[in-house]
Amino acid sequence: MNLAQQLQQLYSEFGHLDGIHIELHKELIAVAVSNSAAKALIFLQGAQVAEYQAHGHNKTLWLSGSNSYQQGRPLRGGIPISWPWFGQLSDNPAAITGQLDSAQTYSAHGFARNSDWQLDSINTDNNEQTQLQFSYQPSAAQQALWPYDSRLQLEIKVGKQLQMNLTVTNNGQRPFSYSSALHSYYAVSDISDCEVTGLEQQRYVDINNPEAHSTQEGAVRVNTEVNRLYQHSRLQQKELPPIYLLDKRQKQQTLITSSGSHSTVLWNPWMNKAKQLNHFAADDYRRMLCIETANAGEDIVTLAPQQSRQLSLCIQPQPL
């Protein structure tokens, strides 16, 4: 189905709904959502939330102004979905890498973020919350790389808070393991005026230097390149504690809560790395911070046949 046919089909199914607009951004189709509480922009490629703004608050998510909006090219910003591995495949545990053919070439963060998802339904009955349902199954070409019968479903709720529920189901006859992340890029006025709380006393590893383990002392303040994996003990708590991103200049904070996860990734490329990134201006590092709800590092998921697992994220902007 070509772009024109896709647009026609989406207009036919959803174009009549209040607050729903189907848009074309160069080669990528997006659904613009607007209700009495918030607005958002969600691309079919990757089922990626690119923009979210609750009324009365600043934009919560950062989106690069340098994106090409080409099919198959990942968008920088918003909330990309990493699956079935996080980061470079080679950096994942043996339980994941051992399932795949080492002779093949695998792109970073898997293939869910670069693939078109199916928009299954939109519910606009509640004027303060719009609910969208997406689904995705690996293509035949992707199944040659990932030989497991998998299905992903994503529920997105746009309202006073942004809620995302990602469910992975093993429809096959063999167990498989995966890592994943809701790779959230948060917008900040200036990184020097921000701090992150809720990670105090948590152990973390420097992803750039896996031998370096540390404990978070006090709030996180970013003044250099940061690429940390916070690994939370399953024995100490059932779920992650709430995380707050405080933007003192904008007098706004973002409350981040999650479930189905025992790991958080904190990332900012800083000055030198920013110059090496695609779709990233040299000074964009000052306007964003990634706080990623993840199943990464030791926190991988193994699904038995016919089993499902859900990873959930809730983002709520608040005055500071």
C-alpha atoms as a PDB file:
ATOM      1  CA  MET A   1       0.000   0.000   0.000  1.00  0.00           C
ATOM      2  CA  ASN A   2       1.507   3.358  -1.010  1.00  0.00           C
ATOM      3  CA  LEU A   3       1.334   6.600   0.983  1.00  0.00           C
ATOM      4  CA  ALA A   4      -1.729   7.914  -0.847  1.00  0.00           C
ATOM      5  CA  GLN A   5      -3.635   4.710  -0.188  1.00  0.00           C
ATOM      6  CA  GLN A   6      -2.586   4.686   3.471  1.00  0.00           C
ATOM      7  CA  LEU A   7      -3.740   8.270   3.922  1.00  0.00           C
ATOM      8  CA  GLN A   8      -7.060   7.548   2.243  1.00  0.00           C
ATOM      9  CA  GLN A   9      -7.652   4.520   4.459  1.00  0.00           C
ATOM     10  CA  LEU A  10      -6.784   6.404   7.654  1.00  0.00           C
ATOM     11  CA  TYR A  11      -9.018   9.344   6.696  1.00  0.00           C
ATOM     12  CA  SER A  12     -11.829   6.899   6.031  1.00  0.00           C
ATOM     13  CA  GLU A  13     -11.448   5.153   9.399  1.00  0.00           C
ATOM     14  CA  PHE A  14     -10.507   8.014  11.720  1.00  0.00           C
ATOM     15  CA  GLY A  15     -10.794  11.361   9.912  1.00  0.00           C
ATOM     16  CA  HIS A  16     -14.332  11.978  11.226  1.00  0.00           C
ATOM     17  CA  LEU A  17     -13.340  11.777  14.898  1.00  0.00           C
ATOM     18  CA  ASP A  18     -13.235  14.985  16.962  1.00  0.00           C
ATOM     19  CA  GLY A  19      -9.714  16.251  17.570  1.00  0.00           C
ATOM     20  CA  ILE A  20      -8.087  13.801  15.153  1.00  0.00           C
ATOM     21  CA  HIS A  21      -6.141  14.937  12.092  1.00  0.00           C
ATOM     22  CA  ILE A  22      -4.129  12.714   9.763  1.00  0.00           C
ATOM     23  CA  GLU A  23      -0.928  14.445   8.621  1.00  0.00           C
ATOM     24  CA  LEU A  24       1.874  13.733   6.186  1.00  0.00           C
ATOM     25  CA  HIS A  25       5.361  14.865   7.205  1.00  0.00           C
ATOM     26  CA  LYS A  26       7.371  14.324   4.020  1.00  0.00           C
ATOM     27  CA  GLU A  27       7.395  10.494   3.855  1.00  0.00           C
ATOM     28  CA  LEU A  28       5.891   9.755   7.271  1.00  0.00           C
ATOM     29  CA  ILE A  29       2.246   9.645   8.336  1.00  0.00           C
ATOM     30  CA  ALA A  30       1.274  11.013  11.731  1.00  0.00           C
ATOM     31  CA  VAL A  31      -1.875  11.316  13.824  1.00  0.00           C
ATOM     32  CA  ALA A  32      -2.375  14.710  15.466  1.00  0.00           C
ATOM     33  CA  VAL A  33      -4.472  14.487  18.639  1.00  0.00           C
ATOM     34  CA  SER A  34      -6.167  17.409  20.382  1.00  0.00           C
ATOM     35  CA  ASN A  35      -8.630  17.368  23.278  1.00  0.00           C
ATOM     36  CA  SER A  36      -9.608  19.628  26.173  1.00  0.00           C
ATOM     37  CA  ALA A  37      -6.582  18.529  28.241  1.00  0.00           C
ATOM     38  CA  ALA A  38      -3.642  18.161  25.838  1.00  0.00           C
ATOM     39  CA  LYS A  39      -2.327  17.712  22.328  1.00  0.00           C
ATOM     40  CA  ALA A  40       0.070  15.180  20.835  1.00  0.00           C
ATOM     41  CA  LEU A  41       1.604  14.020  17.569  1.00  0.00           C
ATOM     42  CA  ILE A  42       2.114  10.292  16.972  1.00  0.00           C
ATOM     43  CA  PHE A  43       3.811   8.757  13.913  1.00  0.00           C
ATOM     44  CA  LEU A  44       2.789   5.391  12.494  1.00  0.00           C
ATOM     45  CA  GLN A  45       6.458   4.581  11.988  1.00  0.00           C
ATOM     46  CA  GLY A  46       7.461   3.142  15.318  1.00  0.00           C
ATOM     47  CA  ALA A  47       4.111   4.179  16.870  1.00  0.00           C
ATOM     48  CA  GLN A  48       6.330   7.015  18.066  1.00  0.00           C
ATOM     49  CA  VAL A  49       4.950   9.801  20.201  1.00  0.00           C
ATOM     50  CA  ALA A  50       6.831  12.800  18.832  1.00  0.00           C
ATOM     51  CA  GLU A  51       5.109  15.646  20.691  1.00  0.00           C
ATOM     52  CA  TYR A  52       3.056  15.950  23.863  1.00  0.00           C
ATOM     53  CA  GLN A  53       1.877  19.110  25.599  1.00  0.00           C
ATOM     54  CA  ALA A  54      -0.711  19.366  28.344  1.00  0.00           C
ATOM     55  CA  HIS A  55      -2.653  22.624  28.207  1.00  0.00           C
ATOM     56  CA  GLY A  56      -1.201  25.229  30.558  1.00  0.00           C
ATOM     57  CA  HIS A  57       2.264  23.636  30.465  1.00  0.00           C
ATOM     58  CA  ASN A  58       5.321  23.800  28.230  1.00  0.00           C
ATOM     59  CA  LYS A  59       6.108  21.026  25.757  1.00  0.00           C
ATOM     60  CA  THR A  60       7.157  17.911  27.656  1.00  0.00           C
ATOM     61  CA  LEU A  61       8.991  16.103  24.863  1.00  0.00           C
ATOM     62  CA  TRP A  62      11.956  17.271  22.795  1.00  0.00           C
ATOM     63  CA  LEU A  63      11.966  16.666  19.035  1.00  0.00           C
ATOM     64  CA  SER A  64      14.912  17.483  16.802  1.00  0.00           C
ATOM     65  CA  GLY A  65      14.428  20.168  14.174  1.00  0.00           C
ATOM     66  CA  SER A  66      16.887  18.282  11.946  1.00  0.00           C
ATOM     67  CA  ASN A  67      14.820  15.132  11.328  1.00  0.00           C
ATOM     68  CA  SER A  68      14.538  14.030   7.695  1.00  0.00           C
ATOM     69  CA  TYR A  69      11.115  12.304   8.017  1.00  0.00           C
ATOM     70  CA  GLN A  70      12.214   9.568   5.614  1.00  0.00           C
ATOM     71  CA  GLN A  71      10.756   6.081   5.692  1.00  0.00           C
ATOM     72  CA  GLY A  72      13.000   3.686   7.561  1.00  0.00           C
ATOM     73  CA  ARG A  73      15.048   6.461   9.164  1.00  0.00           C
ATOM     74  CA  PRO A  74      14.526   6.828  12.924  1.00  0.00           C
ATOM     75  CA  LEU A  75      13.179  10.092  14.287  1.00  0.00           C
ATOM     76  CA  ARG A  76      15.405  11.785  16.837  1.00  0.00           C
ATOM     77  CA  GLY A  77      13.280  12.801  19.820  1.00  0.00           C
ATOM     78  CA  GLY A  78       9.882  12.042  21.276  1.00  0.00           C
ATOM     79  CA  ILE A  79       9.569   8.477  22.575  1.00  0.00           C
ATOM     80  CA  PRO A  80      11.083   5.861  20.224  1.00  0.00           C
ATOM     81  CA  ILE A  81      10.483   2.225  21.146  1.00  0.00           C
ATOM     82  CA  SER A  82      13.587   0.043  21.457  1.00  0.00           C
ATOM     83  CA  TRP A  83      12.823  -3.671  20.879  1.00  0.00           C
ATOM     84  CA  PRO A  84      13.844  -6.558  20.831  1.00  0.00           C
ATOM     85  CA  TRP A  85      17.209  -5.316  22.049  1.00  0.00           C
ATOM     86  CA  PHE A  86      18.433  -2.101  23.623  1.00  0.00           C
ATOM     87  CA  GLY A  87      21.378  -0.160  22.193  1.00  0.00           C
ATOM     88  CA  GLN A  88      23.893  -2.142  20.189  1.00  0.00           C
ATOM     89  CA  LEU A  89      23.009  -5.828  20.077  1.00  0.00           C
ATOM     90  CA  SER A  90      26.535  -6.774  21.138  1.00  0.00           C
ATOM     91  CA  ASP A  91      26.071  -4.850  24.415  1.00  0.00           C
ATOM     92  CA  ASN A  92      23.138  -7.028  25.448  1.00  0.00           C
ATOM     93  CA  PRO A  93      23.352 -10.128  27.692  1.00  0.00           C
ATOM     94  CA  ALA A  94      24.123 -13.529  26.171  1.00  0.00           C
ATOM     95  CA  ALA A  95      20.503 -14.594  26.709  1.00  0.00           C
ATOM     96  CA  ILE A  96      19.594 -12.172  23.892  1.00  0.00           C
ATOM     97  CA  THR A  97      22.661 -12.241  21.640  1.00  0.00           C
ATOM     98  CA  GLY A  98      22.794 -16.043  21.743  1.00  0.00           C
ATOM     99  CA  GLN A  99      19.370 -16.264  20.082  1.00  0.00           C
ATOM    100  CA  LEU A 100      20.565 -14.547  16.903  1.00  0.00           C
ATOM    101  CA  ASP A 101      22.917 -15.210  14.006  1.00  0.00           C
ATOM    102  CA  SER A 102      26.242 -13.515  14.762  1.00  0.00           C
ATOM    103  CA  ALA A 103      26.999 -13.364  11.022  1.00  0.00           C
ATOM    104  CA  GLN A 104      24.131 -10.931  10.432  1.00  0.00           C
ATOM    105  CA  THR A 105      24.236  -7.140  10.841  1.00  0.00           C
ATOM    106  CA  TYR A 106      21.790  -5.699  13.353  1.00  0.00           C
ATOM    107  CA  SER A 107      20.915  -2.023  13.757  1.00  0.00           C
ATOM    108  CA  ALA A 108      20.939  -0.353  17.168  1.00  0.00           C
ATOM    109  CA  HIS A 109      17.790  -0.526  19.309  1.00  0.00           C
ATOM    110  CA  GLY A 110      16.128  -3.227  17.195  1.00  0.00           C
ATOM    111  CA  PHE A 111      13.674  -2.705  14.354  1.00  0.00           C
ATOM    112  CA  ALA A 112      10.354  -1.784  15.993  1.00  0.00           C
ATOM    113  CA  ARG A 113      11.193   1.941  15.939  1.00  0.00           C
ATOM    114  CA  ASN A 114      11.822   1.990  12.163  1.00  0.00           C
ATOM    115  CA  SER A 115       8.790  -0.101  11.156  1.00  0.00           C
ATOM    116  CA  ASP A 116       5.228   0.944  10.398  1.00  0.00           C
ATOM    117  CA  TRP A 117       2.728  -0.061  13.067  1.00  0.00           C
ATOM    118  CA  GLN A 118      -0.954  -0.733  12.537  1.00  0.00           C
ATOM    119  CA  LEU A 119      -3.318   1.866  13.985  1.00  0.00           C
ATOM    120  CA  ASP A 120      -6.126  -0.353  15.274  1.00  0.00           C
ATOM    121  CA  SER A 121      -8.447   2.076  17.011  1.00  0.00           C
ATOM    122  CA  ILE A 122      -8.951   5.579  18.408  1.00  0.00           C
ATOM    123  CA  ASN A 123     -11.404   6.346  21.201  1.00  0.00           C
ATOM    124  CA  THR A 124     -12.443   9.999  21.615  1.00  0.00           C
ATOM    125  CA  ASP A 125     -15.501   9.443  23.831  1.00  0.00           C
ATOM    126  CA  ASN A 126     -13.809  11.155  26.786  1.00  0.00           C
ATOM    127  CA  ASN A 127     -13.097  14.782  25.862  1.00  0.00           C
ATOM    128  CA  GLU A 128     -10.256  14.924  28.410  1.00  0.00           C
ATOM    129  CA  GLN A 129      -8.473  11.787  27.204  1.00  0.00           C
ATOM    130  CA  THR A 130      -7.901  10.299  23.757  1.00  0.00           C
ATOM    131  CA  GLN A 131      -6.970   6.619  23.605  1.00  0.00           C
ATOM    132  CA  LEU A 132      -5.106   5.066  20.659  1.00  0.00           C
ATOM    133  CA  GLN A 133      -4.274   1.398  20.078  1.00  0.00           C
ATOM    134  CA  PHE A 134      -1.377   0.286  17.838  1.00  0.00           C
ATOM    135  CA  SER A 135      -0.044  -3.176  17.000  1.00  0.00           C
ATOM    136  CA  TYR A 136       3.050  -4.554  15.286  1.00  0.00           C
ATOM    137  CA  GLN A 137       4.407  -7.899  14.169  1.00  0.00           C
ATOM    138  CA  PRO A 138       7.876  -8.317  12.615  1.00  0.00           C
ATOM    139  CA  SER A 139       7.842  -8.536   8.821  1.00  0.00           C
ATOM    140  CA  ALA A 140       9.027 -11.614   6.927  1.00  0.00           C
ATOM    141  CA  ALA A 141      12.419  -9.977   6.392  1.00  0.00           C
ATOM    142  CA  GLN A 142      12.684  -9.132  10.092  1.00  0.00           C
ATOM    143  CA  GLN A 143      11.631 -12.660  11.087  1.00  0.00           C
ATOM    144  CA  ALA A 144      14.686 -13.905   9.193  1.00  0.00           C
ATOM    145  CA  LEU A 145      16.738 -11.956  11.761  1.00  0.00           C
ATOM    146  CA  TRP A 146      14.413 -12.484  14.727  1.00  0.00           C
ATOM    147  CA  PRO A 147      12.993 -16.014  14.312  1.00  0.00           C
ATOM    148  CA  TYR A 148      10.329 -15.769  17.010  1.00  0.00           C
ATOM    149  CA  ASP A 149       6.575 -15.343  16.614  1.00  0.00           C
ATOM    150  CA  SER A 150       6.069 -12.032  18.415  1.00  0.00           C
ATOM    151  CA  ARG A 151       3.325  -9.437  18.656  1.00  0.00           C
ATOM    152  CA  LEU A 152       3.550  -5.951  20.152  1.00  0.00           C
ATOM    153  CA  GLN A 153       0.605  -3.833  21.235  1.00  0.00           C
ATOM    154  CA  LEU A 154       0.831  -0.225  22.345  1.00  0.00           C
ATOM    155  CA  GLU A 155      -1.870   1.711  24.142  1.00  0.00           C
ATOM    156  CA  ILE A 156      -1.404   5.499  24.246  1.00  0.00           C
ATOM    157  CA  LYS A 157      -3.590   7.766  26.374  1.00  0.00           C
ATOM    158  CA  VAL A 158      -3.318  11.508  25.716  1.00  0.00           C
ATOM    159  CA  GLY A 159      -4.732  13.695  28.484  1.00  0.00           C
ATOM    160  CA  LYS A 160      -3.545  15.649  31.521  1.00  0.00           C
ATOM    161  CA  GLN A 161      -0.882  12.973  31.599  1.00  0.00           C
ATOM    162  CA  LEU A 162       0.616  10.863  28.842  1.00  0.00           C
ATOM    163  CA  GLN A 163       0.285   7.127  29.441  1.00  0.00           C
ATOM    164  CA  MET A 164       1.897   4.358  27.386  1.00  0.00           C
ATOM    165  CA  ASN A 165       1.430   0.617  27.857  1.00  0.00           C
ATOM    166  CA  LEU A 166       3.628  -1.605  25.682  1.00  0.00           C
ATOM    167  CA  THR A 167       2.676  -5.305  25.707  1.00  0.00           C
ATOM    168  CA  VAL A 168       4.903  -7.966  24.152  1.00  0.00           C
ATOM    169  CA  THR A 169       3.399 -11.415  23.508  1.00  0.00           C
ATOM    170  CA  ASN A 170       5.134 -14.653  22.562  1.00  0.00           C
ATOM    171  CA  ASN A 171       2.767 -16.316  20.073  1.00  0.00           C
ATOM    172  CA  GLY A 172       5.245 -19.078  19.211  1.00  0.00           C
ATOM    173  CA  GLN A 173       6.255 -22.431  20.617  1.00  0.00           C
ATOM    174  CA  ARG A 174       9.701 -21.424  21.899  1.00  0.00           C
ATOM    175  CA  PRO A 175      10.678 -19.060  24.712  1.00  0.00           C
ATOM    176  CA  PHE A 176      12.656 -15.932  23.841  1.00  0.00           C
ATOM    177  CA  SER A 177      14.392 -13.120  25.719  1.00  0.00           C
ATOM    178  CA  TYR A 178      14.427  -9.421  24.849  1.00  0.00           C
ATOM    179  CA  SER A 179      15.377  -6.013  26.153  1.00  0.00           C
ATOM    180  CA  SER A 180      13.406  -2.864  25.451  1.00  0.00           C
ATOM    181  CA  ALA A 181      12.927   0.786  26.303  1.00  0.00           C
ATOM    182  CA  LEU A 182      10.531   3.671  25.981  1.00  0.00           C
ATOM    183  CA  HIS A 183      13.406   5.921  24.948  1.00  0.00           C
ATOM    184  CA  SER A 184      11.955   9.235  26.167  1.00  0.00           C
ATOM    185  CA  TYR A 185      13.539  12.562  25.167  1.00  0.00           C
ATOM    186  CA  TYR A 186      12.392  15.281  27.580  1.00  0.00           C
ATOM    187  CA  ALA A 187      12.489  18.962  26.657  1.00  0.00           C
ATOM    188  CA  VAL A 188      14.288  21.342  29.017  1.00  0.00           C
ATOM    189  CA  SER A 189      14.876  25.087  28.852  1.00  0.00           C
ATOM    190  CA  ASP A 190      18.596  24.631  29.529  1.00  0.00           C
ATOM    191  CA  ILE A 191      20.249  21.516  30.906  1.00  0.00           C
ATOM    192  CA  SER A 192      22.285  23.645  33.337  1.00  0.00           C
ATOM    193  CA  ASP A 193      19.049  24.703  35.119  1.00  0.00           C
ATOM    194  CA  CYS A 194      17.695  21.166  35.554  1.00  0.00           C
ATOM    195  CA  GLU A 195      18.063  18.266  37.942  1.00  0.00           C
ATOM    196  CA  VAL A 196      16.646  14.769  38.325  1.00  0.00           C
ATOM    197  CA  THR A 197      15.456  13.390  41.656  1.00  0.00           C
ATOM    198  CA  GLY A 198      14.220   9.926  42.577  1.00  0.00           C
ATOM    199  CA  LEU A 199      17.419   8.071  41.682  1.00  0.00           C
ATOM    200  CA  GLU A 200      19.200   8.783  44.958  1.00  0.00           C
ATOM    201  CA  GLN A 201      21.128   5.822  46.422  1.00  0.00           C
ATOM    202  CA  GLN A 202      20.519   3.781  43.265  1.00  0.00           C
ATOM    203  CA  ARG A 203      23.399   1.798  41.785  1.00  0.00           C
ATOM    204  CA  TYR A 204      24.342   2.566  38.190  1.00  0.00           C
ATOM    205  CA  VAL A 205      26.858   1.565  35.544  1.00  0.00           C
ATOM    206  CA  ASP A 206      28.462   3.891  33.000  1.00  0.00           C
ATOM    207  CA  ILE A 207      27.406   2.383  29.653  1.00  0.00           C
ATOM    208  CA  ASN A 208      30.485   3.909  27.993  1.00  0.00           C
ATOM    209  CA  ASN A 209      32.653   2.200  30.612  1.00  0.00           C
ATOM    210  CA  PRO A 210      30.828  -0.944  31.839  1.00  0.00           C
ATOM    211  CA  GLU A 211      33.439  -1.630  34.510  1.00  0.00           C
ATOM    212  CA  ALA A 212      32.596   1.645  36.257  1.00  0.00           C
ATOM    213  CA  HIS A 213      29.881   1.091  38.909  1.00  0.00           C
ATOM    214  CA  SER A 214      28.727   3.894  41.184  1.00  0.00           C
ATOM    215  CA  THR A 215      25.961   4.916  43.570  1.00  0.00           C
ATOM    216  CA  GLN A 216      23.909   8.038  42.931  1.00  0.00           C
ATOM    217  CA  GLU A 217      24.534  10.602  45.649  1.00  0.00           C
ATOM    218  CA  GLY A 218      21.922  13.355  45.720  1.00  0.00           C
ATOM    219  CA  ALA A 219      20.055  14.713  42.697  1.00  0.00           C
ATOM    220  CA  VAL A 220      21.451  14.200  39.192  1.00  0.00           C
ATOM    221  CA  ARG A 221      22.866  17.349  37.590  1.00  0.00           C
ATOM    222  CA  VAL A 222      24.236  17.089  34.068  1.00  0.00           C
ATOM    223  CA  ASN A 223      27.385  19.035  33.198  1.00  0.00           C
ATOM    224  CA  THR A 224      29.178  16.474  31.005  1.00  0.00           C
ATOM    225  CA  GLU A 225      28.313  13.486  28.822  1.00  0.00           C
ATOM    226  CA  VAL A 226      26.012  11.118  30.725  1.00  0.00           C
ATOM    227  CA  ASN A 227      25.157   7.562  29.661  1.00  0.00           C
ATOM    228  CA  ARG A 228      24.079   5.667  32.766  1.00  0.00           C
ATOM    229  CA  LEU A 229      22.094   2.509  33.368  1.00  0.00           C
ATOM    230  CA  TYR A 230      20.439   2.526  36.779  1.00  0.00           C
ATOM    231  CA  GLN A 231      19.694  -1.051  37.778  1.00  0.00           C
ATOM    232  CA  HIS A 232      17.085  -1.389  40.511  1.00  0.00           C
ATOM    233  CA  SER A 233      16.979  -4.454  42.731  1.00  0.00           C
ATOM    234  CA  ARG A 234      13.952  -6.702  42.301  1.00  0.00           C
ATOM    235  CA  LEU A 235      14.391  -7.753  45.950  1.00  0.00           C
ATOM    236  CA  GLN A 236      14.171  -4.246  47.351  1.00  0.00           C
ATOM    237  CA  GLN A 237      11.078  -2.974  45.548  1.00  0.00           C
ATOM    238  CA  LYS A 238       8.366  -4.188  43.217  1.00  0.00           C
ATOM    239  CA  GLU A 239       8.602  -1.258  40.820  1.00  0.00           C
ATOM    240  CA  LEU A 240      10.723   1.800  40.179  1.00  0.00           C
ATOM    241  CA  PRO A 241      10.331   4.795  42.491  1.00  0.00           C
ATOM    242  CA  PRO A 242       8.868   7.982  40.968  1.00  0.00           C
ATOM    243  CA  ILE A 243      11.375  10.151  39.106  1.00  0.00           C
ATOM    244  CA  TYR A 244      11.118  13.927  38.830  1.00  0.00           C
ATOM    245  CA  LEU A 245      12.723  16.108  36.168  1.00  0.00           C
ATOM    246  CA  LEU A 246      12.894  19.628  37.590  1.00  0.00           C
ATOM    247  CA  ASP A 247      13.278  22.592  35.219  1.00  0.00           C
ATOM    248  CA  LYS A 248      13.952  25.581  37.452  1.00  0.00           C
ATOM    249  CA  ARG A 249      14.003  28.140  34.640  1.00  0.00           C
ATOM    250  CA  GLN A 250      10.560  27.138  33.365  1.00  0.00           C
ATOM    251  CA  LYS A 251       9.262  26.509  36.904  1.00  0.00           C
ATOM    252  CA  GLN A 252       7.928  23.141  35.742  1.00  0.00           C
ATOM    253  CA  GLN A 253       8.593  19.581  36.798  1.00  0.00           C
ATOM    254  CA  THR A 254       7.756  16.303  35.090  1.00  0.00           C
ATOM    255  CA  LEU A 255       6.662  13.344  37.194  1.00  0.00           C
ATOM    256  CA  ILE A 256       7.731  10.031  35.607  1.00  0.00           C
ATOM    257  CA  THR A 257       6.249   6.779  36.927  1.00  0.00           C
ATOM    258  CA  SER A 258       6.532   3.313  35.443  1.00  0.00           C
ATOM    259  CA  SER A 259       5.827  -0.372  35.933  1.00  0.00           C
ATOM    260  CA  GLY A 260       7.172  -3.582  34.419  1.00  0.00           C
ATOM    261  CA  SER A 261      10.680  -2.113  34.600  1.00  0.00           C
ATOM    262  CA  HIS A 262      13.635  -2.347  36.967  1.00  0.00           C
ATOM    263  CA  SER A 263      16.068  -0.237  34.966  1.00  0.00           C
ATOM    264  CA  THR A 264      16.342   3.407  33.940  1.00  0.00           C
ATOM    265  CA  VAL A 265      18.724   4.891  31.381  1.00  0.00           C
ATOM    266  CA  LEU A 266      19.874   8.505  31.678  1.00  0.00           C
ATOM    267  CA  TRP A 267      21.500   9.982  28.569  1.00  0.00           C
ATOM    268  CA  ASN A 268      22.801  13.318  27.346  1.00  0.00           C
ATOM    269  CA  PRO A 269      25.559  13.344  24.664  1.00  0.00           C
ATOM    270  CA  TRP A 270      26.998  16.705  25.745  1.00  0.00           C
ATOM    271  CA  MET A 271      29.112  18.902  23.523  1.00  0.00           C
ATOM    272  CA  ASN A 272      31.573  16.608  21.709  1.00  0.00           C
ATOM    273  CA  LYS A 273      29.282  13.622  21.123  1.00  0.00           C
ATOM    274  CA  ALA A 274      26.477  15.928  19.922  1.00  0.00           C
ATOM    275  CA  LYS A 275      28.603  16.905  16.918  1.00  0.00           C
ATOM    276  CA  GLN A 276      28.794  13.249  15.831  1.00  0.00           C
ATOM    277  CA  LEU A 277      25.058  12.460  15.950  1.00  0.00           C
ATOM    278  CA  ASN A 278      22.622  12.355  13.052  1.00  0.00           C
ATOM    279  CA  HIS A 279      19.608  14.668  13.190  1.00  0.00           C
ATOM    280  CA  PHE A 280      21.092  16.553  16.121  1.00  0.00           C
ATOM    281  CA  ALA A 281      22.257  20.181  16.095  1.00  0.00           C
ATOM    282  CA  ALA A 282      25.532  21.022  17.805  1.00  0.00           C
ATOM    283  CA  ASP A 283      23.787  22.740  20.736  1.00  0.00           C
ATOM    284  CA  ASP A 284      20.724  20.472  21.022  1.00  0.00           C
ATOM    285  CA  TYR A 285      22.283  18.747  24.040  1.00  0.00           C
ATOM    286  CA  ARG A 286      21.373  21.831  26.073  1.00  0.00           C
ATOM    287  CA  ARG A 287      17.639  21.420  25.360  1.00  0.00           C
ATOM    288  CA  MET A 288      17.061  17.710  26.051  1.00  0.00           C
ATOM    289  CA  LEU A 289      17.596  14.896  28.505  1.00  0.00           C
ATOM    290  CA  CYS A 290      16.726  11.242  27.974  1.00  0.00           C
ATOM    291  CA  ILE A 291      15.223   9.442  30.959  1.00  0.00           C
ATOM    292  CA  GLU A 292      14.351   6.033  29.561  1.00  0.00           C
ATOM    293  CA  THR A 293      11.959   3.527  31.091  1.00  0.00           C
ATOM    294  CA  ALA A 294      13.668   0.264  30.210  1.00  0.00           C
ATOM    295  CA  ASN A 295      14.204  -3.451  30.476  1.00  0.00           C
ATOM    296  CA  ALA A 296      17.953  -3.304  29.949  1.00  0.00           C
ATOM    297  CA  GLY A 297      21.212  -4.692  31.311  1.00  0.00           C
ATOM    298  CA  GLU A 298      20.379  -7.496  33.747  1.00  0.00           C
ATOM    299  CA  ASP A 299      16.723  -6.447  33.621  1.00  0.00           C
ATOM    300  CA  ILE A 300      15.807  -8.435  30.502  1.00  0.00           C
ATOM    301  CA  VAL A 301      12.518 -10.239  29.918  1.00  0.00           C
ATOM    302  CA  THR A 302      12.089 -13.931  29.043  1.00  0.00           C
ATOM    303  CA  LEU A 303       8.682 -14.974  27.713  1.00  0.00           C
ATOM    304  CA  ALA A 304       7.451 -18.540  27.641  1.00  0.00           C
ATOM    305  CA  PRO A 305       5.138 -19.561  24.774  1.00  0.00           C
ATOM    306  CA  GLN A 306       1.803 -17.678  24.906  1.00  0.00           C
ATOM    307  CA  GLN A 307       3.086 -15.414  27.683  1.00  0.00           C
ATOM    308  CA  SER A 308       2.895 -11.588  27.691  1.00  0.00           C
ATOM    309  CA  ARG A 309       4.716  -8.802  29.535  1.00  0.00           C
ATOM    310  CA  GLN A 310       3.755  -5.129  29.818  1.00  0.00           C
ATOM    311  CA  LEU A 311       6.045  -2.114  30.166  1.00  0.00           C
ATOM    312  CA  SER A 312       4.183   1.038  31.261  1.00  0.00           C
ATOM    313  CA  LEU A 313       5.089   4.709  31.481  1.00  0.00           C
ATOM    314  CA  CYS A 314       3.157   7.702  32.802  1.00  0.00           C
ATOM    315  CA  ILE A 315       4.378  11.279  32.245  1.00  0.00           C
ATOM    316  CA  GLN A 316       2.706  14.128  34.107  1.00  0.00           C
ATOM    317  CA  PRO A 317       3.803  17.789  33.853  1.00  0.00           C
ATOM    318  CA  GLN A 318       3.362  19.797  37.030  1.00  0.00           C
ATOM    319  CA  PRO A 319       4.143  23.335  38.228  1.00  0.00           C
ATOM    320  CA  LEU A 320       7.349  23.606  40.245  1.00  0.00           C
END
